[in-house]
Protein backbone atom coordinates (compact mmCIF):
# COMPACT_ATOMS: atom_id res chain seq x y z
CA MET A 1 -0.07 0.00 0.32
CA GLN A 2 1.50 3.37 -1.17
CA VAL A 3 1.43 6.59 0.79
CA SER A 4 1.21 9.81 -1.26
CA ASN A 5 4.03 11.55 -2.76
CA ARG A 6 3.80 14.64 -0.33
CA LEU A 7 3.89 12.83 2.47
CA ALA A 8 7.27 10.81 1.38
CA LYS A 9 8.90 14.00 1.59
CA VAL A 10 8.06 14.82 5.09
CA ASN A 11 10.29 13.72 7.74
CA PRO A 12 8.93 12.49 11.27
CA SER A 13 9.25 15.09 14.34
CA ALA A 14 12.85 14.65 15.70
CA THR A 15 12.12 15.71 19.33
CA LEU A 16 9.20 13.25 19.47
CA ALA A 17 11.45 10.36 17.97
CA MET A 18 13.75 10.79 20.44
CA SER A 19 11.60 11.28 23.39
CA GLN A 20 10.06 7.88 22.08
CA LYS A 21 13.67 6.16 22.27
CA THR A 22 14.07 7.75 25.75
CA ASN A 23 10.55 6.38 26.85
CA GLU A 24 11.32 2.92 25.42
CA LEU A 25 14.59 2.69 27.62
CA LYS A 26 12.75 4.05 30.52
CA ALA A 27 10.17 1.26 30.16
CA ALA A 28 12.81 -1.27 30.17
CA GLY A 29 13.71 0.08 33.39
CA ALA A 30 16.73 2.26 32.47
CA ASP A 31 17.61 5.21 34.25
CA VAL A 32 16.89 7.89 32.05
CA ILE A 33 17.21 12.02 32.21
CA ASN A 34 14.65 13.22 29.35
CA LEU A 35 15.94 16.70 28.39
CA THR A 36 13.83 16.77 25.00
CA MET A 37 10.66 17.57 25.27
CA GLY A 38 9.63 21.36 25.24
CA GLN A 39 6.84 20.87 28.13
CA PRO A 40 6.82 22.26 31.46
CA ASP A 41 7.07 19.68 34.10
CA PHE A 42 4.53 21.42 36.34
CA GLU A 43 1.06 20.39 36.68
CA THR A 44 -1.87 22.68 35.46
CA PRO A 45 -2.76 24.91 38.14
CA LYS A 46 -5.58 23.65 40.30
CA PHE A 47 -8.08 26.43 39.50
CA ILE A 48 -7.98 25.68 35.72
CA GLU A 49 -8.40 22.08 36.35
CA GLN A 50 -11.41 22.72 38.53
CA ALA A 51 -13.01 24.84 35.97
CA ALA A 52 -12.73 21.61 33.48
CA ILE A 53 -14.25 19.71 36.33
CA ASP A 54 -16.92 22.28 36.84
CA SER A 55 -17.86 22.53 33.09
CA ILE A 56 -17.97 18.87 33.30
CA ASN A 57 -20.60 18.63 36.23
CA ALA A 58 -22.53 21.62 34.69
CA GLY A 59 -22.99 19.54 31.57
CA GLN A 60 -21.34 22.22 29.41
CA ALA A 61 -18.72 19.93 28.11
CA SER A 62 -21.10 17.36 26.29
CA PHE A 63 -21.75 19.08 23.32
CA TYR A 64 -19.86 20.45 20.22
CA THR A 65 -18.64 23.82 19.83
CA GLN A 66 -18.19 26.39 16.92
CA ALA A 67 -15.53 24.99 15.09
CA THR A 68 -13.25 27.94 15.86
CA GLY A 69 -13.96 27.70 19.64
CA LEU A 70 -16.45 29.03 21.93
CA PRO A 71 -17.36 32.63 21.70
CA GLU A 72 -16.28 33.00 25.27
CA LEU A 73 -12.71 31.59 24.70
CA ARG A 74 -12.28 33.77 21.67
CA THR A 75 -13.24 36.98 23.52
CA ALA A 76 -10.89 35.73 26.39
CA ILE A 77 -7.84 35.20 23.70
CA SER A 78 -8.55 38.66 22.28
CA HIS A 79 -8.65 40.46 25.30
CA ARG A 80 -5.41 38.70 26.24
CA ILE A 81 -3.65 39.55 23.24
CA GLU A 82 -4.97 43.31 23.41
CA ARG A 83 -3.72 43.45 27.28
CA ARG A 84 -0.25 42.23 26.17
CA THR A 85 0.08 44.11 22.76
CA GLY A 86 -2.24 46.78 22.59
CA TYR A 87 -3.69 45.38 19.59
CA HIS A 88 -7.56 44.62 19.30
CA TYR A 89 -8.93 41.47 17.26
CA ASP A 90 -12.60 41.02 17.07
CA ALA A 91 -13.51 37.53 18.45
CA SER A 92 -14.27 36.41 14.95
CA GLN A 93 -10.61 37.10 13.95
CA ILE A 94 -9.63 34.51 16.56
CA VAL A 95 -9.17 30.83 15.64
CA ALA A 96 -8.98 28.53 18.72
CA THR A 97 -7.42 25.04 17.54
CA ASN A 98 -6.26 21.71 18.69
CA GLY A 99 -3.08 23.23 19.99
CA ALA A 100 -0.76 25.99 18.74
CA LYS A 101 0.74 23.14 16.05
CA PHE A 102 -2.40 22.70 14.78
CA ALA A 103 -3.00 26.46 14.33
CA LEU A 104 0.10 26.74 12.12
CA TYR A 105 -0.74 23.48 10.15
CA CYS A 106 -4.25 25.08 9.55
CA LEU A 107 -3.03 28.51 8.73
CA PHE A 108 -0.36 27.08 5.82
CA ASN A 109 -3.07 25.10 4.37
CA ALA A 110 -5.37 28.54 4.25
CA ILE A 111 -2.71 30.62 2.76
CA LEU A 112 -0.43 28.53 0.55
CA ASN A 113 -0.93 27.39 -3.24
CA PRO A 114 1.35 24.68 -4.57
CA GLY A 115 4.74 26.21 -4.83
CA ASP A 116 4.44 28.82 -2.66
CA GLY A 117 7.57 29.74 -0.52
CA VAL A 118 7.79 30.11 3.13
CA ILE A 119 10.67 31.69 4.55
CA VAL A 120 11.93 29.66 7.76
CA PRO A 121 14.93 31.22 9.89
CA THR A 122 17.49 28.72 10.94
CA PRO A 123 18.02 27.41 13.53
CA GLY A 124 13.95 26.78 13.88
CA TRP A 125 11.35 24.73 15.47
CA VAL A 126 11.36 20.99 13.66
CA SER A 127 7.79 21.15 12.39
CA TYR A 128 7.79 24.58 10.38
CA VAL A 129 9.55 23.00 7.41
CA GLU A 130 7.38 19.86 7.45
CA GLN A 131 4.11 21.60 7.90
CA VAL A 132 4.70 24.02 5.05
CA ARG A 133 5.71 20.85 2.97
CA LEU A 134 2.20 19.10 4.06
CA ALA A 135 0.33 22.36 2.85
CA GLY A 136 1.95 21.96 -0.77
CA GLY A 137 4.64 24.87 0.04
CA VAL A 138 8.12 25.08 -0.51
CA PRO A 139 10.40 25.98 2.80
CA GLN A 140 13.03 28.47 2.12
CA ALA A 141 15.82 28.04 4.62
CA ALA A 142 17.08 31.53 5.92
CA PRO A 143 20.18 30.46 7.83
CA ALA A 144 21.03 33.22 10.57
CA SER A 145 24.35 34.87 9.45
CA ASP A 146 25.19 36.17 12.92
CA GLY A 147 23.94 34.25 16.11
CA PHE A 148 20.46 32.90 15.92
CA LYS A 149 18.62 36.06 14.50
CA VAL A 150 18.03 36.55 10.95
CA THR A 151 18.61 40.01 9.44
CA VAL A 152 16.91 41.76 6.40
CA ASP A 153 20.08 40.80 4.77
CA ASP A 154 19.91 37.31 5.54
CA LEU A 155 16.14 37.43 4.04
CA ASP A 156 17.35 39.12 1.00
CA ARG A 157 19.40 36.40 -0.01
CA VAL A 158 16.38 33.69 0.07
CA VAL A 159 13.40 35.98 -1.12
CA ASN A 160 12.00 35.38 -4.51
CA ASP A 161 8.68 35.79 -6.28
CA HIS A 162 7.03 32.63 -5.01
CA THR A 163 7.47 33.95 -1.35
CA LYS A 164 4.15 34.12 0.47
CA ALA A 165 5.19 34.27 4.32
CA ILE A 166 8.18 34.44 6.99
CA ILE A 167 8.00 32.72 10.03
CA ILE A 168 9.36 34.47 13.29
CA ASN A 169 9.35 32.87 16.37
CA SER A 170 10.49 34.84 19.31
CA PRO A 171 11.27 33.90 22.02
CA GLN A 172 12.76 31.35 19.88
CA ASN A 173 12.88 27.70 19.94
CA PRO A 174 15.74 26.02 20.04
CA SER A 175 18.04 28.77 21.28
CA GLY A 176 15.83 30.87 23.55
CA THR A 177 16.69 34.16 21.70
CA ILE A 178 14.74 37.20 21.66
CA TYR A 179 14.09 39.59 18.88
CA ASN A 180 14.11 43.15 20.17
CA LYS A 181 11.96 45.72 19.03
CA GLN A 182 14.30 47.37 16.37
CA GLU A 183 15.06 44.10 14.81
CA LEU A 184 11.28 43.37 14.76
CA THR A 185 10.51 46.61 13.11
CA LEU A 186 13.24 46.10 10.22
CA ILE A 187 11.75 42.54 9.64
CA GLY A 188 8.15 44.03 9.62
CA ASN A 189 9.10 46.61 7.07
CA TRP A 190 10.90 44.59 4.75
CA ALA A 191 7.66 41.90 4.83
CA LEU A 192 5.62 44.58 3.94
CA ARG A 193 7.92 45.99 0.93
CA HIS A 194 7.77 42.44 -0.40
CA ASN A 195 3.94 41.95 0.29
CA ILE A 196 4.94 38.99 2.49
CA MET A 197 2.96 37.95 5.41
CA ILE A 198 4.44 37.57 8.73
CA VAL A 199 3.64 34.38 11.00
CA SER A 200 4.71 35.30 14.58
CA ASP A 201 5.02 32.42 16.81
CA GLU A 202 4.93 33.87 20.22
CA ILE A 203 3.89 30.70 22.28
CA TYR A 204 6.88 31.43 24.44
CA SER A 205 6.20 35.02 25.10
CA ASP A 206 5.45 34.63 28.95
CA LEU A 207 8.82 32.86 29.66
CA VAL A 208 11.32 35.48 29.67
CA TYR A 209 14.38 36.13 32.41
CA ASN A 210 16.77 38.08 33.83
CA GLY A 211 15.13 41.44 32.71
CA ALA A 212 14.39 40.46 29.09
CA LYS A 213 11.30 41.67 27.15
CA ALA A 214 9.66 39.86 24.85
CA THR A 215 8.10 42.57 21.88
CA SER A 216 4.96 41.53 19.98
CA MET A 217 4.92 41.91 16.07
CA LEU A 218 1.32 43.37 17.13
CA SER A 219 3.04 45.99 19.14
CA LEU A 220 4.69 47.78 16.20
CA ASP A 221 3.49 49.98 13.52
CA PRO A 222 -0.37 49.43 12.66
CA ALA A 223 0.69 48.29 9.21
CA ILE A 224 3.12 45.58 10.53
CA SER A 225 0.38 44.26 13.10
CA ALA A 226 -2.21 44.16 9.93
CA ASN A 227 0.03 42.10 8.21
CA THR A 228 0.71 39.69 11.01
CA ILE A 229 -1.02 36.46 11.96
CA LEU A 230 -0.35 35.53 15.56
CA ILE A 231 -0.06 32.18 16.88
CA GLY A 232 -0.20 31.40 20.47
CA GLY A 233 -1.71 28.81 23.08
CA VAL A 234 -1.78 27.42 26.53
CA SER A 235 0.56 24.67 26.53
CA LYS A 236 3.81 26.70 28.00
CA SER A 237 2.42 29.56 29.76
CA PHE A 238 -0.05 27.39 31.98
CA ALA A 239 1.58 24.24 31.90
CA MET A 240 -1.42 22.72 29.76
CA THR A 241 0.47 20.76 26.99
CA GLY A 242 -1.81 17.85 27.37
CA TRP A 243 -5.00 20.01 26.81
CA ARG A 244 -4.29 21.16 23.50
CA ILE A 245 -5.67 24.36 22.97
CA GLY A 246 -4.14 26.88 20.63
CA TYR A 247 -4.85 29.80 18.47
CA ALA A 248 -4.60 31.72 15.69
CA ALA A 249 -5.40 35.61 15.49
CA ALA A 250 -5.66 36.58 11.94
CA PRO A 251 -6.99 39.24 9.59
CA ALA A 252 -10.68 38.64 8.70
CA PRO A 253 -10.31 36.50 5.48
CA VAL A 254 -7.54 34.31 6.75
CA ALA A 255 -9.56 33.82 9.89
CA LYS A 256 -12.57 32.68 7.85
CA ALA A 257 -10.28 30.55 5.43
CA MET A 258 -8.69 28.64 8.72
CA ALA A 259 -12.40 28.28 10.05
CA THR A 260 -13.38 26.53 6.97
CA ILE A 261 -10.61 24.00 7.26
CA CYS A 262 -11.05 23.27 10.91
CA SER A 263 -14.78 22.74 10.23
CA HIS A 264 -13.73 19.81 8.16
CA ALA A 265 -10.68 18.37 9.95
CA THR A 266 -11.20 18.56 13.39
CA GLY A 267 -14.87 19.92 14.39
CA ASN A 268 -13.80 21.57 17.26
CA PRO A 269 -11.30 21.64 19.94
CA ALA A 270 -12.44 19.30 23.04
CA ALA A 271 -15.39 21.67 24.73
CA VAL A 272 -13.57 20.53 28.35
CA SER A 273 -10.30 21.99 27.30
CA GLN A 274 -11.99 25.18 25.84
CA TYR A 275 -13.86 25.75 29.46
CA ALA A 276 -10.16 25.49 31.05
CA ALA A 277 -8.59 27.88 28.73
CA ILE A 278 -11.19 30.50 29.22
CA THR A 279 -10.18 30.25 32.97
CA ALA A 280 -6.40 30.44 32.15
CA PHE A 281 -6.61 33.48 29.72
CA ASN A 282 -8.97 35.15 32.21
CA SER A 283 -6.65 34.78 34.87
CA ASP A 284 -4.17 37.14 36.71
CA GLY A 285 -0.99 35.45 35.50
CA SER A 286 0.74 34.84 38.91
CA SER A 287 0.77 30.87 38.07
CA THR A 288 2.67 31.69 35.06
CA GLU A 289 5.02 34.09 37.06
CA LYS A 290 5.70 31.30 39.64
CA MET A 291 6.74 28.93 36.86
CA ARG A 292 8.74 31.98 35.11
CA GLN A 293 10.59 32.19 38.28
CA ALA A 294 11.58 28.41 38.40
CA PHE A 295 12.93 28.47 34.77
CA GLU A 296 14.77 31.55 35.65
CA ASP A 297 16.34 29.90 38.58
CA ARG A 298 17.25 26.83 36.63
CA LEU A 299 18.46 28.65 33.66
CA ASN A 300 20.86 30.75 35.91
CA THR A 301 21.95 27.77 37.74
CA ILE A 302 22.75 25.20 34.95
CA TYR A 303 24.15 27.79 32.14
CA PRO A 304 27.60 28.18 33.78
CA LEU A 305 27.65 24.42 34.15
CA PHE A 306 27.24 23.52 30.61
CA ASN A 307 29.21 26.26 29.33
CA ARG A 308 32.22 24.87 31.16
CA ILE A 309 32.24 21.43 29.57
CA PRO A 310 35.31 21.36 26.96
CA GLY A 311 33.73 21.35 23.55
CA PHE A 312 30.77 22.93 24.35
CA LYS A 313 29.90 26.55 23.16
CA LEU A 314 27.18 28.76 24.44
CA ALA A 315 27.27 31.90 22.03
CA GLU A 316 24.85 33.71 24.33
CA LYS A 317 22.99 33.04 27.22
CA PRO A 318 19.17 32.42 26.62
CA THR A 319 16.40 35.15 27.51
CA GLY A 320 13.37 33.55 26.81
CA ALA A 321 11.61 29.90 26.20
CA PHE A 322 13.27 27.01 28.37
CA TYR A 323 16.07 25.81 26.11
CA LEU A 324 20.02 25.45 25.86
CA PHE A 325 21.06 25.03 22.15
CA ILE A 326 24.80 24.15 22.45
CA ASN A 327 27.54 24.08 19.75
CA VAL A 328 29.23 20.56 20.32
CA LYS A 329 31.38 20.88 17.08
CA ASP A 330 34.35 20.55 18.93
CA ALA A 331 33.53 18.10 21.53
CA VAL A 332 32.35 15.64 18.91
CA THR A 333 35.58 15.92 16.88
CA ASN A 334 37.54 15.58 20.23
CA LEU A 335 35.74 12.24 20.86
CA GLY A 336 35.91 10.96 17.47
CA TYR A 337 32.27 11.08 16.57
CA ASP A 338 31.35 11.50 13.09
CA SER A 339 28.15 13.82 13.92
CA ALA A 340 26.31 15.42 16.84
CA ASP A 341 23.68 12.92 15.94
CA SER A 342 25.73 9.87 16.82
CA PHE A 343 27.15 12.01 19.98
CA ALA A 344 23.62 12.29 21.27
CA MET A 345 22.73 8.83 20.70
CA ASP A 346 25.51 7.57 22.35
CA LEU A 347 25.03 10.12 25.03
CA LEU A 348 21.60 8.77 25.70
CA GLU A 349 22.69 5.15 25.45
CA LYS A 350 25.73 5.49 27.89
CA THR A 351 24.87 7.84 30.43
CA GLY A 352 21.10 8.10 30.15
CA VAL A 353 20.94 11.93 29.40
CA ALA A 354 18.51 12.34 26.37
CA VAL A 355 18.76 15.40 24.13
CA VAL A 356 17.60 16.36 20.60
CA PRO A 357 20.34 16.61 17.72
CA GLY A 358 20.71 19.88 16.26
CA ARG A 359 20.22 18.91 12.61
CA ALA A 360 16.47 18.95 13.35
CA PHE A 361 16.48 22.64 13.61
CA GLY A 362 18.86 23.40 11.05
CA ASN A 363 22.19 23.42 12.88
CA PRO A 364 23.74 20.17 12.65
CA ASN A 365 26.72 20.97 14.93
CA TYR A 366 24.54 21.65 17.93
CA ILE A 367 22.15 19.83 20.48
CA ARG A 368 18.92 21.23 22.09
CA LEU A 369 18.30 20.34 25.53
CA SER A 370 15.44 21.55 27.89
CA TYR A 371 15.42 22.79 31.56
CA ALA A 372 11.77 22.17 31.70
CA ALA A 373 12.56 19.46 34.04
CA ALA A 374 13.16 18.91 37.86
CA LYS A 375 16.51 20.94 38.99
CA ASP A 376 17.65 18.12 40.52
CA ASN A 377 17.60 16.23 37.35
CA LEU A 378 19.16 18.98 35.41
CA LEU A 379 22.25 18.88 37.71
CA GLU A 380 22.69 15.45 37.42
CA ALA A 381 22.21 15.67 33.67
CA ALA A 382 25.36 18.06 33.72
CA LYS A 383 27.40 15.93 35.68
CA ARG A 384 26.68 12.87 33.46
CA ILE A 385 27.36 14.85 30.31
CA GLU A 386 30.43 16.67 31.53
CA ASP A 387 31.83 13.21 32.96
CA PHE A 388 30.99 11.60 29.80
CA VAL A 389 32.90 14.41 27.83
CA THR A 390 35.88 14.62 29.84
CA GLY A 391 36.18 10.87 30.60
CA SER A 392 36.81 11.71 34.38
CA SER A 393 34.64 8.48 35.53
CA THR A 394 33.47 5.70 34.28
CA PRO A 395 30.21 6.68 32.02
CA HIS A 396 26.80 5.81 33.73
CA THR A 397 24.96 3.27 31.53
CA ALA A 398 21.29 3.76 30.55
CA ASN A 399 20.84 0.05 30.91
CA ASP A 400 22.39 -0.32 34.44
């Protein structure tokens, strides 16, 4: 039985694949520290869980909703966006989806014709490229020439007559880099000059550290805001990865097209999750702040530990999200590996520490690890990795 030619060009998610390998080792009894997943290690706040329970007990969660989500949810999202950015969307311009990942998938299918290009800055999240391909588009990789942020010069090198959109992710997965207001303004005006839509993935906007600020594309010039589709959700800010509620906020024609796709693809996000998300979006943010402070403490603790490992280079300290993106080229060479991929696999098998090879993000000499894990686990992981690289002790074996 054959699959479609389109799907044959798409690669599985590297983060999920590595996490699956890790879970298999755990199931076999291995002592594994999983630093692959971009998911907070906190439980969803009790008041949000209670809102879901209340909706069930009241009989509200038993029925279909509008394909784009409950009106109360879309209004709550609109209000939250306006509080954060100053930009107002009508509730009809909000499309609630089964996670932010599906918001992106739905968006690309709504805006792309076969052969349309989407500029994907690298490094970048693993699914951008594949989702563009699934929608029949052409991903146009734009490597950052200095650090992890693209400039208009970088974009000029890849743009062509077929380019339809550009993705900007700030704070960025995998590096934790944040674009400042000036950088975003330059990119926003560049997109306007080229008649290119901006897809602004701001899923990590609440998770910034050590005095850093995350500027939204929507807070810039009104013309830039009107040319932007905002992507967000509850997974990172409210520790709700399993609830699967994301959203797109878009110009009316795009929102309408996305609504049509959702009506045929998913029907609606789970009603019980929508009621939980309403409470999350209407909350005062104190639960998010508590989590943010914990991530900041972890970052400040482990950054120097990983930075001192021979052959590990962290060009800059992350200011957002919850990842370290580490250049391990020298370590890979010094230890005799042929790639960061084989280094990461041996690291997992011999030390029980799971990380994601950077090739999946467009940077093959890097690895990504998540510090959305218990602090004790992070400290132990840093020790195991340092011992593995320096050979200062017999490596722990995942199968011990």
